[in-house]
Amino acid sequence: MRPCDVRQADSSKSYEAEDDDTELFLDSKPASLREVLLSLALPLYLPMLLLFFAFAMLTPVVPLFAASLGASPRGVGVVVAARAFGAFAATLPAGEAVSRLGPRQATLVGAAVYSLSCLWGWTSSDLFTLALSRALAGAGYALYSLAQQTHVRLHCPVSLRGRVLATVGGTFRISSTLGPLAGGAIAQRVGFRAVFGVQMLASLPALPLIAAFMRPPQGTIHAAAERKPGMAELLLFVKANQKLVFVAWVATLLMAVVRSVRDLLVPLGAAAAGMSRAGTGAVLALSYASDTLVFPLGGFMMDRRGCWLAGGTACALMGLGLAVMALGGPGSLVAASVIMGIGNGFSSGIVMALGSDCAPSHCAGPVLATFNFVNAAGGVLGPLVIGAIASTSLGAGADASAMIAVAGALWWLFCLPRPQRLASAAAAQG
């Protein structure tokens, strides 16, 4: 069992056996990390690289575009939060969709919806339409992300899951390094709307790659991979593991809030410092490049020591970066962006890993959906609350975010169970 593995305690359903690697990997020789990564390169990593690149192009653009349409810092926060709200609203239906359609079809639908949101954003002419297009983008992203997580859950041995999902997070970070640079440069030279058009063109090639290369897991004979779980099974799982699930959900919520404020505060801080659109994109790209440097270490830490240590380290470093941002000035902003990027890198794939470990094979999609739901809720709350505080002072918004990050670090380090406590805690709930 992985350090942060949470297993079903209801012996009447025999759920514990369903998380055994041998259920989905029946070969006598265990799959190596290299073999698993290569098997996922075309159906998972390459389409994800394209979609995340398109996704990241708007990171420096949406706050500035909303401001150019007359939005206050509070209004900018609402527009930034609209994507997370769309993901929040779509997450639980996405779990049902993955259960009914399967990971492959759900991935295709999610990617197509996201591409359509780019077209809608391209034609938006007011804040309301822009916010709706971002909400649709969030819904498409939620379905795509959940389907891909379920695909990994069925393909990846537990002993390698942290590093495989950290590579998913690393793919996001590589794309998020290049995307803001491209988005900021296009906005500087052509204008905000052009970024949406280029974003749509960049996302479209992912669809034929998914259609051609994503397949059901080979060697799967367990009925859990094909059964269509319902709400009753999800509720049974949560009831049997309520204490551990509550701790994991709170950890996910705090992490999501802390992560979400970077994409709000960095563009606002860059605008306050008088940076150009391209300069804003460069600062965000530097922050995401810092993520990329440490994401393998985050995956290794999750596999070897546990999610608790990686999550606590991530929140502590992001809190430090936010405290530095509160000092004000271009130099502090750049330093804060780098520190927050390093901290976020340690959390690469951590919500996916924690959710995957909590999800038994028979109910993977719906259980993962609950974690994505909580994660999306944090993505909504962060920009809304911090955007409101930043309306009075950008420094106050950074300070408030830093305090949330400290709370998150303490929760991950001291509340999330250690490996030796998980087995006994789960058994006590049986």
Protein backbone atom coordinates (compact mmCIF):
# COMPACT_ATOMS: atom_id res chain seq x y z
CA MET A 1 0.00 0.00 0.00
CA ARG A 2 1.27 3.46 -0.90
CA PRO A 3 1.88 5.91 1.99
CA CYS A 4 -1.36 7.81 1.44
CA ASP A 5 -3.43 4.84 0.34
CA VAL A 6 -6.94 4.80 1.87
CA ARG A 7 -8.85 1.56 1.49
CA GLN A 8 -12.43 0.55 1.84
CA ALA A 9 -13.18 -0.89 5.26
CA ASP A 10 -16.47 -2.62 4.46
CA SER A 11 -15.52 -6.28 4.43
CA SER A 12 -18.93 -7.33 3.14
CA LYS A 13 -18.06 -5.83 -0.24
CA SER A 14 -14.45 -7.10 -0.27
CA TYR A 15 -13.29 -3.73 -1.53
CA GLU A 16 -9.76 -4.12 -0.19
CA ALA A 17 -8.90 -6.70 -2.80
CA GLU A 18 -10.00 -4.36 -5.57
CA ASP A 19 -7.11 -1.98 -4.92
CA ASP A 20 -4.50 -4.70 -5.32
CA ASP A 21 -2.15 -4.09 -8.24
CA THR A 22 -2.68 -7.64 -9.47
CA GLU A 23 -6.29 -6.88 -10.38
CA LEU A 24 -5.32 -4.57 -13.20
CA PHE A 25 -1.79 -5.79 -13.91
CA LEU A 26 -1.94 -9.53 -14.40
CA ASP A 27 1.46 -10.06 -16.01
CA SER A 28 3.92 -12.04 -13.91
CA LYS A 29 6.50 -9.28 -14.34
CA PRO A 30 5.48 -5.99 -12.65
CA ALA A 31 5.28 -3.00 -14.96
CA SER A 32 8.22 -0.62 -14.66
CA LEU A 33 7.90 3.16 -14.43
CA ARG A 34 9.33 3.50 -17.92
CA GLU A 35 6.85 1.02 -19.40
CA VAL A 36 3.89 2.73 -17.79
CA LEU A 37 5.02 6.21 -18.85
CA LEU A 38 5.57 5.06 -22.45
CA SER A 39 2.15 3.38 -22.56
CA LEU A 40 0.55 6.67 -21.48
CA ALA A 41 2.60 8.99 -23.70
CA LEU A 42 0.23 9.19 -26.69
CA PRO A 43 -3.19 8.70 -25.07
CA LEU A 44 -2.46 10.87 -22.02
CA TYR A 45 0.63 13.05 -21.92
CA LEU A 46 0.76 14.47 -25.46
CA PRO A 47 -2.95 15.47 -25.65
CA MET A 48 -2.62 16.85 -22.13
CA LEU A 49 0.41 18.89 -23.17
CA LEU A 50 -1.58 20.47 -26.00
CA LEU A 51 -4.69 21.16 -23.92
CA PHE A 52 -2.78 22.49 -20.94
CA PHE A 53 -0.73 24.74 -23.22
CA ALA A 54 -3.95 26.16 -24.63
CA PHE A 55 -5.34 26.43 -21.12
CA ALA A 56 -2.28 28.33 -19.85
CA MET A 57 -2.27 30.84 -22.66
CA LEU A 58 -5.12 32.67 -20.94
CA THR A 59 -3.50 32.80 -17.49
CA PRO A 60 -2.07 36.32 -17.94
CA VAL A 61 -4.82 37.36 -20.37
CA VAL A 62 -8.14 36.79 -18.56
CA PRO A 63 -7.48 39.12 -15.58
CA LEU A 64 -6.17 41.89 -17.86
CA PHE A 65 -8.93 41.37 -20.44
CA ALA A 66 -11.56 41.58 -17.69
CA ALA A 67 -9.95 44.75 -16.36
CA SER A 68 -9.96 46.26 -19.87
CA LEU A 69 -13.71 45.59 -20.02
CA GLY A 70 -14.16 47.70 -16.89
CA ALA A 71 -13.95 45.12 -14.11
CA SER A 72 -12.74 46.13 -10.63
CA PRO A 73 -10.32 43.83 -8.74
CA ARG A 74 -13.40 42.19 -7.21
CA GLY A 75 -14.91 41.75 -10.69
CA VAL A 76 -11.62 40.36 -11.99
CA GLY A 77 -11.75 37.83 -9.18
CA VAL A 78 -15.27 36.81 -10.22
CA VAL A 79 -14.20 36.29 -13.85
CA VAL A 80 -11.10 34.33 -12.81
CA ALA A 81 -13.26 32.22 -10.47
CA ALA A 82 -15.80 31.51 -13.24
CA ARG A 83 -13.65 28.74 -14.69
CA ALA A 84 -13.34 27.10 -11.29
CA PHE A 85 -17.08 27.55 -10.75
CA GLY A 86 -17.79 25.74 -14.03
CA ALA A 87 -15.52 22.92 -12.92
CA PHE A 88 -17.18 22.90 -9.49
CA ALA A 89 -20.68 22.66 -10.99
CA ALA A 90 -19.68 19.98 -13.50
CA THR A 91 -17.54 17.73 -11.31
CA LEU A 92 -20.19 15.43 -9.83
CA PRO A 93 -22.08 15.10 -13.16
CA ALA A 94 -18.67 14.39 -14.71
CA GLY A 95 -18.25 11.45 -12.35
CA GLU A 96 -21.55 10.02 -13.57
CA ALA A 97 -20.53 10.68 -17.18
CA VAL A 98 -17.23 8.84 -16.77
CA SER A 99 -19.04 5.88 -15.20
CA ARG A 100 -21.52 5.69 -18.08
CA LEU A 101 -19.34 6.66 -21.06
CA GLY A 102 -16.02 5.25 -19.94
CA PRO A 103 -12.74 7.20 -19.73
CA ARG A 104 -12.13 7.34 -23.49
CA GLN A 105 -15.48 8.79 -24.57
CA ALA A 106 -15.60 11.12 -21.58
CA THR A 107 -12.11 12.42 -22.40
CA LEU A 108 -13.16 13.18 -25.97
CA VAL A 109 -16.31 15.00 -24.84
CA GLY A 110 -14.38 17.04 -22.26
CA ALA A 111 -11.71 18.08 -24.77
CA ALA A 112 -14.37 19.06 -27.34
CA VAL A 113 -16.27 21.16 -24.80
CA TYR A 114 -13.07 22.94 -23.84
CA SER A 115 -12.31 23.77 -27.49
CA LEU A 116 -15.83 25.18 -27.88
CA SER A 117 -15.27 27.41 -24.84
CA CYS A 118 -12.29 28.96 -26.62
CA LEU A 119 -14.52 29.90 -29.54
CA TRP A 120 -17.07 31.45 -27.18
CA GLY A 121 -14.40 33.45 -25.39
CA TRP A 122 -13.12 34.70 -28.75
CA THR A 123 -16.54 36.22 -29.50
CA SER A 124 -17.24 37.60 -26.00
CA SER A 125 -17.80 41.34 -25.79
CA ASP A 126 -18.72 41.90 -22.14
CA LEU A 127 -17.84 40.59 -18.69
CA PHE A 128 -20.90 38.35 -18.43
CA THR A 129 -20.17 36.52 -21.71
CA LEU A 130 -16.49 36.25 -20.83
CA ALA A 131 -17.36 34.73 -17.45
CA LEU A 132 -19.77 32.24 -19.07
CA SER A 133 -17.11 31.14 -21.56
CA ARG A 134 -14.68 30.56 -18.68
CA ALA A 135 -17.34 28.56 -16.82
CA LEU A 136 -17.79 26.34 -19.90
CA ALA A 137 -14.02 25.93 -20.07
CA GLY A 138 -14.06 24.79 -16.46
CA ALA A 139 -16.80 22.26 -17.16
CA GLY A 140 -14.92 20.78 -20.09
CA TYR A 141 -11.71 20.71 -18.09
CA ALA A 142 -13.45 18.96 -15.19
CA LEU A 143 -14.76 16.15 -17.39
CA TYR A 144 -11.46 15.78 -19.25
CA SER A 145 -9.39 15.76 -16.06
CA LEU A 146 -11.60 13.25 -14.25
CA ALA A 147 -11.66 10.90 -17.24
CA GLN A 148 -7.88 11.03 -17.49
CA GLN A 149 -7.48 10.39 -13.76
CA THR A 150 -9.75 7.35 -14.07
CA HIS A 151 -7.68 6.15 -17.03
CA VAL A 152 -4.51 6.41 -14.93
CA ARG A 153 -6.26 4.73 -11.99
CA LEU A 154 -6.95 1.69 -14.19
CA HIS A 155 -3.53 1.60 -15.88
CA CYS A 156 -1.04 2.45 -13.16
CA PRO A 157 0.28 0.21 -10.36
CA VAL A 158 -0.15 1.73 -6.91
CA SER A 159 3.62 1.67 -6.29
CA LEU A 160 4.19 4.00 -9.27
CA ARG A 161 1.07 6.16 -9.04
CA GLY A 162 2.68 9.13 -7.28
CA ARG A 163 5.36 9.52 -9.95
CA VAL A 164 2.95 8.91 -12.84
CA LEU A 165 0.52 11.52 -11.52
CA ALA A 166 3.39 13.88 -10.67
CA THR A 167 4.34 13.59 -14.34
CA VAL A 168 0.76 14.57 -15.21
CA GLY A 169 1.24 17.60 -12.97
CA GLY A 170 4.65 18.19 -14.54
CA THR A 171 3.08 18.15 -17.99
CA PHE A 172 0.69 20.82 -16.78
CA ARG A 173 3.62 22.86 -15.46
CA ILE A 174 5.64 22.60 -18.67
CA SER A 175 2.61 23.77 -20.61
CA SER A 176 2.00 26.47 -18.04
CA THR A 177 5.54 27.73 -18.54
CA LEU A 178 5.16 28.08 -22.29
CA GLY A 179 1.48 29.08 -22.40
CA PRO A 180 1.73 32.43 -20.57
CA LEU A 181 4.71 33.44 -22.69
CA ALA A 182 2.74 32.76 -25.88
CA GLY A 183 -0.49 34.27 -24.55
CA GLY A 184 1.21 37.42 -23.26
CA ALA A 185 3.16 37.92 -26.50
CA ILE A 186 0.06 37.45 -28.68
CA ALA A 187 -1.98 39.82 -26.50
CA GLN A 188 0.81 42.40 -26.68
CA ARG A 189 1.09 42.27 -30.47
CA VAL A 190 -2.42 41.44 -31.69
CA GLY A 191 -4.81 41.88 -28.76
CA PHE A 192 -6.65 39.88 -26.16
CA ARG A 193 -9.21 38.25 -28.46
CA ALA A 194 -6.60 36.73 -30.73
CA VAL A 195 -5.34 34.63 -27.83
CA PHE A 196 -8.67 32.78 -27.66
CA GLY A 197 -8.47 31.90 -31.37
CA VAL A 198 -4.91 30.60 -31.12
CA GLN A 199 -5.91 28.71 -27.98
CA MET A 200 -8.68 26.89 -29.85
CA LEU A 201 -6.32 25.93 -32.69
CA ALA A 202 -3.77 24.62 -30.20
CA SER A 203 -6.33 22.42 -28.42
CA LEU A 204 -7.90 20.75 -31.47
CA PRO A 205 -5.08 18.24 -32.29
CA ALA A 206 -5.65 16.57 -28.92
CA LEU A 207 -8.95 15.08 -30.14
CA PRO A 208 -7.57 12.73 -32.86
CA LEU A 209 -4.74 11.65 -30.55
CA ILE A 210 -7.20 10.62 -27.84
CA ALA A 211 -9.48 8.89 -30.35
CA ALA A 212 -6.60 6.95 -31.89
CA PHE A 213 -4.55 5.87 -28.89
CA MET A 214 -6.67 5.71 -25.73
CA ARG A 215 -7.70 2.14 -25.03
CA PRO A 216 -9.13 0.15 -22.07
CA PRO A 217 -6.47 -1.32 -19.75
CA GLN A 218 -5.00 -4.59 -21.02
CA GLY A 219 -5.28 -7.60 -18.78
CA THR A 220 -8.28 -6.26 -16.87
CA ILE A 221 -10.62 -9.06 -15.89
CA HIS A 222 -12.15 -7.61 -12.76
CA ALA A 223 -15.78 -6.54 -13.13
CA ALA A 224 -14.97 -3.31 -11.28
CA ALA A 225 -13.36 -1.90 -14.40
CA GLU A 226 -16.59 -2.33 -16.35
CA ARG A 227 -19.33 -1.93 -13.74
CA LYS A 228 -21.23 1.32 -13.65
CA PRO A 229 -21.25 2.43 -10.01
CA GLY A 230 -24.03 4.60 -8.69
CA MET A 231 -24.53 7.10 -5.91
CA ALA A 232 -25.40 4.33 -3.43
CA GLU A 233 -21.96 2.76 -3.76
CA LEU A 234 -20.30 6.16 -3.43
CA LEU A 235 -22.24 6.95 -0.25
CA LEU A 236 -21.40 3.53 1.16
CA PHE A 237 -17.72 4.16 0.55
CA VAL A 238 -17.80 7.61 2.14
CA LYS A 239 -19.76 6.35 5.15
CA ALA A 240 -17.29 3.52 5.75
CA ASN A 241 -14.32 5.90 5.54
CA GLN A 242 -15.87 9.15 6.75
CA LYS A 243 -13.06 10.30 9.07
CA LEU A 244 -10.28 9.71 6.59
CA VAL A 245 -12.31 11.14 3.70
CA PHE A 246 -13.11 14.28 5.73
CA VAL A 247 -9.43 14.86 6.49
CA ALA A 248 -8.52 14.31 2.83
CA TRP A 249 -11.28 16.65 1.60
CA VAL A 250 -10.20 19.48 3.93
CA ALA A 251 -6.58 19.01 2.82
CA THR A 252 -7.72 19.20 -0.81
CA LEU A 253 -9.79 22.34 -0.17
CA LEU A 254 -6.96 24.23 1.53
CA MET A 255 -4.50 23.24 -1.19
CA ALA A 256 -6.91 24.37 -3.91
CA VAL A 257 -7.47 27.79 -2.33
CA VAL A 258 -3.75 28.43 -1.98
CA ARG A 259 -3.00 27.32 -5.52
CA SER A 260 -5.78 29.38 -7.07
CA VAL A 261 -4.67 32.77 -5.78
CA ARG A 262 -1.39 32.80 -7.72
CA ASP A 263 -3.17 33.24 -11.06
CA LEU A 264 -5.14 36.14 -9.57
CA LEU A 265 -2.52 37.99 -7.52
CA VAL A 266 0.47 37.74 -9.86
CA PRO A 267 -1.25 39.46 -12.85
CA LEU A 268 -2.75 42.10 -10.54
CA GLY A 269 0.64 42.64 -8.89
CA ALA A 270 2.34 42.93 -12.26
CA ALA A 271 -0.24 45.49 -13.42
CA ALA A 272 0.24 47.46 -10.19
CA ALA A 273 3.99 47.42 -10.81
CA GLY A 274 3.50 48.84 -14.31
CA MET A 275 4.55 45.72 -16.24
CA SER A 276 3.42 45.16 -19.82
CA ARG A 277 1.19 42.29 -20.90
CA ALA A 278 4.22 40.39 -22.20
CA GLY A 279 6.03 41.10 -18.92
CA THR A 280 3.11 39.71 -16.95
CA GLY A 281 3.21 36.55 -19.05
CA ALA A 282 6.96 36.27 -18.49
CA VAL A 283 6.59 36.48 -14.69
CA LEU A 284 3.92 33.77 -14.72
CA ALA A 285 6.05 31.65 -17.06
CA LEU A 286 8.97 31.99 -14.64
CA SER A 287 6.74 30.86 -11.80
CA TYR A 288 5.55 27.79 -13.70
CA ALA A 289 9.12 27.05 -14.84
CA SER A 290 10.04 26.89 -11.16
CA ASP A 291 7.22 24.34 -10.75
CA THR A 292 8.74 22.22 -13.47
CA LEU A 293 12.12 21.97 -11.74
CA VAL A 294 10.82 20.17 -8.67
CA PHE A 295 7.76 18.13 -9.73
CA PRO A 296 9.78 14.86 -9.98
CA LEU A 297 10.87 15.38 -6.38
CA GLY A 298 7.24 15.85 -5.36
CA GLY A 299 6.25 12.53 -6.97
CA PHE A 300 9.19 10.74 -5.36
CA MET A 301 8.26 12.22 -1.98
CA MET A 302 4.64 11.02 -2.34
CA ASP A 303 5.68 7.48 -3.23
CA ARG A 304 8.42 7.18 -0.58
CA ARG A 305 7.23 9.27 2.36
CA GLY A 306 3.59 10.11 1.78
CA CYS A 307 1.21 12.79 0.56
CA TRP A 308 1.31 14.48 3.98
CA LEU A 309 4.94 15.58 3.60
CA ALA A 310 4.66 16.73 -0.03
CA GLY A 311 1.46 18.69 0.71
CA GLY A 312 2.84 20.29 3.86
CA THR A 313 6.04 21.33 2.09
CA ALA A 314 4.06 22.77 -0.82
CA CYS A 315 1.73 24.88 1.35
CA ALA A 316 4.59 26.15 3.52
CA LEU A 317 6.61 27.34 0.51
CA MET A 318 3.60 28.92 -1.19
CA GLY A 319 2.81 30.72 2.06
CA LEU A 320 6.36 32.07 2.15
CA GLY A 321 6.03 33.29 -1.43
CA LEU A 322 2.76 35.04 -0.68
CA ALA A 323 4.31 36.75 2.34
CA VAL A 324 7.14 38.00 0.11
CA MET A 325 4.60 39.30 -2.43
CA ALA A 326 2.94 41.35 0.30
CA LEU A 327 6.15 43.38 0.58
CA GLY A 328 5.34 45.03 -2.78
CA GLY A 329 7.51 46.03 -5.73
CA PRO A 330 8.62 44.27 -8.94
CA GLY A 331 11.53 42.50 -7.27
CA SER A 332 9.34 41.05 -4.54
CA LEU A 333 6.77 39.98 -7.13
CA VAL A 334 9.35 38.06 -9.18
CA ALA A 335 10.86 36.44 -6.08
CA ALA A 336 7.41 35.53 -4.77
CA SER A 337 6.44 34.00 -8.11
CA VAL A 338 9.53 31.77 -8.07
CA ILE A 339 9.00 30.65 -4.45
CA MET A 340 5.31 29.93 -5.07
CA GLY A 341 6.27 28.00 -8.19
CA ILE A 342 8.72 25.82 -6.29
CA GLY A 343 6.13 25.21 -3.59
CA ASN A 344 3.45 24.33 -6.11
CA GLY A 345 5.87 21.96 -7.81
CA PHE A 346 6.05 19.84 -4.67
CA SER A 347 2.25 19.44 -4.90
CA SER A 348 2.36 18.23 -8.51
CA GLY A 349 -0.38 15.64 -8.92
CA ILE A 350 -1.06 15.48 -5.19
CA VAL A 351 -4.84 15.88 -5.30
CA MET A 352 -5.05 13.30 -8.08
CA ALA A 353 -2.80 10.94 -6.09
CA LEU A 354 -4.76 11.36 -2.87
CA GLY A 355 -8.07 10.91 -4.67
CA SER A 356 -6.81 7.88 -6.61
CA ASP A 357 -5.60 6.24 -3.43
CA CYS A 358 -8.95 6.81 -1.75
CA ALA A 359 -10.88 5.47 -4.76
CA PRO A 360 -11.49 1.71 -4.91
CA SER A 361 -11.49 0.19 -8.40
CA HIS A 362 -15.22 -0.58 -8.28
CA CYS A 363 -16.10 3.10 -7.69
CA ALA A 364 -13.11 5.05 -9.03
CA GLY A 365 -14.96 7.63 -11.16
CA PRO A 366 -17.49 8.84 -8.56
CA VAL A 367 -14.95 8.92 -5.71
CA LEU A 368 -12.44 10.84 -7.82
CA ALA A 369 -15.27 13.20 -8.75
CA THR A 370 -15.78 14.11 -5.09
CA PHE A 371 -12.12 15.10 -4.78
CA ASN A 372 -12.31 17.13 -7.97
CA PHE A 373 -15.51 18.71 -6.64
CA VAL A 374 -13.74 19.83 -3.44
CA ASN A 375 -10.72 20.94 -5.44
CA ALA A 376 -12.94 23.01 -7.74
CA ALA A 377 -14.73 24.49 -4.72
CA GLY A 378 -11.39 25.74 -3.44
CA GLY A 379 -10.66 27.15 -6.88
CA VAL A 380 -13.90 29.13 -6.70
CA LEU A 381 -13.48 30.34 -3.12
CA GLY A 382 -9.87 31.44 -3.49
CA PRO A 383 -10.27 34.11 -6.22
CA LEU A 384 -13.63 35.29 -4.84
CA VAL A 385 -12.49 35.77 -1.24
CA ILE A 386 -8.97 36.98 -2.00
CA GLY A 387 -10.23 39.15 -4.86
CA ALA A 388 -12.59 40.89 -2.45
CA ILE A 389 -9.77 41.45 0.06
CA ALA A 390 -7.40 42.62 -2.70
CA SER A 391 -9.97 45.29 -3.64
CA THR A 392 -8.89 47.13 -0.51
CA SER A 393 -5.18 46.35 -0.83
CA LEU A 394 -3.14 43.92 -2.90
CA GLY A 395 -0.85 43.39 0.08
CA ALA A 396 -3.81 42.51 2.28
CA GLY A 397 -4.89 39.89 -0.26
CA ALA A 398 -1.40 38.39 -0.25
CA ASP A 399 -1.27 38.38 3.56
CA ALA A 400 -4.64 36.65 3.83
CA SER A 401 -3.53 34.06 1.27
CA ALA A 402 -0.33 33.45 3.23
CA MET A 403 -2.32 32.74 6.39
CA ILE A 404 -4.48 30.21 4.53
CA ALA A 405 -1.29 28.59 3.24
CA VAL A 406 0.05 28.25 6.78
CA ALA A 407 -3.22 26.62 7.86
CA GLY A 408 -2.93 24.26 4.89
CA ALA A 409 0.64 23.31 5.78
CA LEU A 410 -0.34 22.52 9.36
CA TRP A 411 -3.33 20.43 8.23
CA TRP A 412 -1.31 18.38 5.73
CA LEU A 413 1.58 17.83 8.16
CA PHE A 414 -0.36 17.06 11.33
CA CYS A 415 -3.86 15.92 10.34
CA LEU A 416 -3.37 13.73 7.27
CA PRO A 417 -2.65 10.19 8.55
CA ARG A 418 0.83 8.69 8.31
CA PRO A 419 1.33 5.29 6.64
CA GLN A 420 1.39 3.41 9.96
CA ARG A 421 -1.84 5.11 11.15
CA LEU A 422 -3.86 4.64 7.96
CA ALA A 423 -4.39 0.90 8.21
CA SER A 424 -5.58 1.00 11.82
CA ALA A 425 -7.71 4.12 11.20
CA ALA A 426 -9.44 2.51 8.22
CA ALA A 427 -10.01 -0.74 10.13
CA ALA A 428 -11.56 1.18 13.04
CA GLN A 429 -14.27 2.48 10.67
CA GLY A 430 -15.27 -0.94 9.41
